[in-house]
Amino acid sequence: MVWTSDKPAKAGWYWWRGLGEDMDPLILYVDEVGYFQWPDGASQEVGLTKGEWAGPIAPPSED
């Protein structure tokens, strides 16, 4: 998995990091229509974000 400026194209969990150094990377769920929710509860369209993405993240196995 690598950081990229390409926006997520499908639903799933992704790492996201902003361009500034004052913010830690976050794990966000991108829905089927291309929106995600910030930790404060605000929703945003993926296409409006500035930063880098990595994922989607595979869910852990039960083994």
C-alpha atoms as a PDB file:
ATOM      1  CA  MET A   1       0.000   0.000   0.000  1.00  0.00           C
ATOM      2  CA  VAL A   2       1.348   3.420  -0.933  1.00  0.00           C
ATOM      3  CA  TRP A   3       0.209   7.027  -0.521  1.00  0.00           C
ATOM      4  CA  THR A   4      -1.290   8.560  -3.649  1.00  0.00           C
ATOM      5  CA  SER A   5      -3.138  11.716  -4.611  1.00  0.00           C
ATOM      6  CA  ASP A   6      -5.652   9.536  -6.543  1.00  0.00           C
ATOM      7  CA  LYS A   7      -9.069   9.752  -4.901  1.00  0.00           C
ATOM      8  CA  PRO A   8     -10.806   6.499  -3.849  1.00  0.00           C
ATOM      9  CA  ALA A   9     -12.931   5.090  -6.680  1.00  0.00           C
ATOM     10  CA  LYS A  10     -14.883   2.514  -4.663  1.00  0.00           C
ATOM     11  CA  ALA A  11     -16.398   2.157  -1.212  1.00  0.00           C
ATOM     12  CA  GLY A  12     -14.202   0.986   1.644  1.00  0.00           C
ATOM     13  CA  TRP A  13     -11.894   2.004   4.466  1.00  0.00           C
ATOM     14  CA  TYR A  14      -8.923   4.185   3.535  1.00  0.00           C
ATOM     15  CA  TRP A  15      -5.997   5.931   5.142  1.00  0.00           C
ATOM     16  CA  TRP A  16      -6.014   9.680   4.483  1.00  0.00           C
ATOM     17  CA  ARG A  17      -3.385  12.275   5.334  1.00  0.00           C
ATOM     18  CA  GLY A  18      -3.640  16.002   4.828  1.00  0.00           C
ATOM     19  CA  LEU A  19      -1.026  18.169   3.221  1.00  0.00           C
ATOM     20  CA  GLY A  20      -0.157  19.996   6.456  1.00  0.00           C
ATOM     21  CA  GLU A  21       2.114  18.590   9.119  1.00  0.00           C
ATOM     22  CA  ASP A  22      -0.256  19.494  11.957  1.00  0.00           C
ATOM     23  CA  MET A  23      -2.661  16.586  11.311  1.00  0.00           C
ATOM     24  CA  ASP A  24      -2.138  12.871  11.950  1.00  0.00           C
ATOM     25  CA  PRO A  25      -3.289  10.385   9.287  1.00  0.00           C
ATOM     26  CA  LEU A  26      -6.869   9.145   9.676  1.00  0.00           C
ATOM     27  CA  ILE A  27      -8.749   5.998   8.701  1.00  0.00           C
ATOM     28  CA  LEU A  28     -12.002   6.975   6.967  1.00  0.00           C
ATOM     29  CA  TYR A  29     -14.858   5.025   5.413  1.00  0.00           C
ATOM     30  CA  VAL A  30     -15.749   6.149   1.888  1.00  0.00           C
ATOM     31  CA  ASP A  31     -19.329   5.213   0.946  1.00  0.00           C
ATOM     32  CA  GLU A  32     -20.769   4.081  -2.389  1.00  0.00           C
ATOM     33  CA  VAL A  33     -21.515   7.640  -3.555  1.00  0.00           C
ATOM     34  CA  GLY A  34     -18.045   9.012  -2.713  1.00  0.00           C
ATOM     35  CA  TYR A  35     -18.605  10.670   0.670  1.00  0.00           C
ATOM     36  CA  PHE A  36     -16.890  10.131   4.007  1.00  0.00           C
ATOM     37  CA  GLN A  37     -17.367  11.434   7.545  1.00  0.00           C
ATOM     38  CA  TRP A  38     -14.760  13.419   9.473  1.00  0.00           C
ATOM     39  CA  PRO A  39     -14.229  12.500  13.152  1.00  0.00           C
ATOM     40  CA  ASP A  40     -16.279  15.592  14.150  1.00  0.00           C
ATOM     41  CA  GLY A  41     -19.290  14.207  12.249  1.00  0.00           C
ATOM     42  CA  ALA A  42     -19.166  16.478   9.186  1.00  0.00           C
ATOM     43  CA  SER A  43     -19.555  14.761   5.792  1.00  0.00           C
ATOM     44  CA  GLN A  44     -17.479  15.628   2.749  1.00  0.00           C
ATOM     45  CA  GLU A  45     -17.199  14.548  -0.854  1.00  0.00           C
ATOM     46  CA  VAL A  46     -13.940  12.716  -1.602  1.00  0.00           C
ATOM     47  CA  GLY A  47     -13.358  14.865  -4.689  1.00  0.00           C
ATOM     48  CA  LEU A  48     -13.104  18.014  -2.533  1.00  0.00           C
ATOM     49  CA  THR A  49     -10.320  16.759  -0.270  1.00  0.00           C
ATOM     50  CA  LYS A  50      -6.716  17.846  -0.486  1.00  0.00           C
ATOM     51  CA  GLY A  51      -4.307  15.207   0.663  1.00  0.00           C
ATOM     52  CA  GLU A  52      -3.202  11.669  -0.032  1.00  0.00           C
ATOM     53  CA  TRP A  53      -5.045   8.363   0.180  1.00  0.00           C
ATOM     54  CA  ALA A  54      -3.981   4.736   0.698  1.00  0.00           C
ATOM     55  CA  GLY A  55      -6.278   1.747   0.416  1.00  0.00           C
ATOM     56  CA  PRO A  56      -8.785   0.332   0.462  1.00  0.00           C
ATOM     57  CA  ILE A  57      -7.789  -1.432   3.660  1.00  0.00           C
ATOM     58  CA  ALA A  58      -8.670  -5.122   3.799  1.00  0.00           C
ATOM     59  CA  PRO A  59     -10.625  -6.136   6.915  1.00  0.00           C
ATOM     60  CA  PRO A  60      -8.744  -8.361   9.361  1.00  0.00           C
ATOM     61  CA  SER A  61      -9.333 -12.102   9.189  1.00  0.00           C
ATOM     62  CA  GLU A  62     -11.061 -14.013  11.978  1.00  0.00           C
ATOM     63  CA  ASP A  63      -8.267 -16.627  12.178  1.00  0.00           C
END
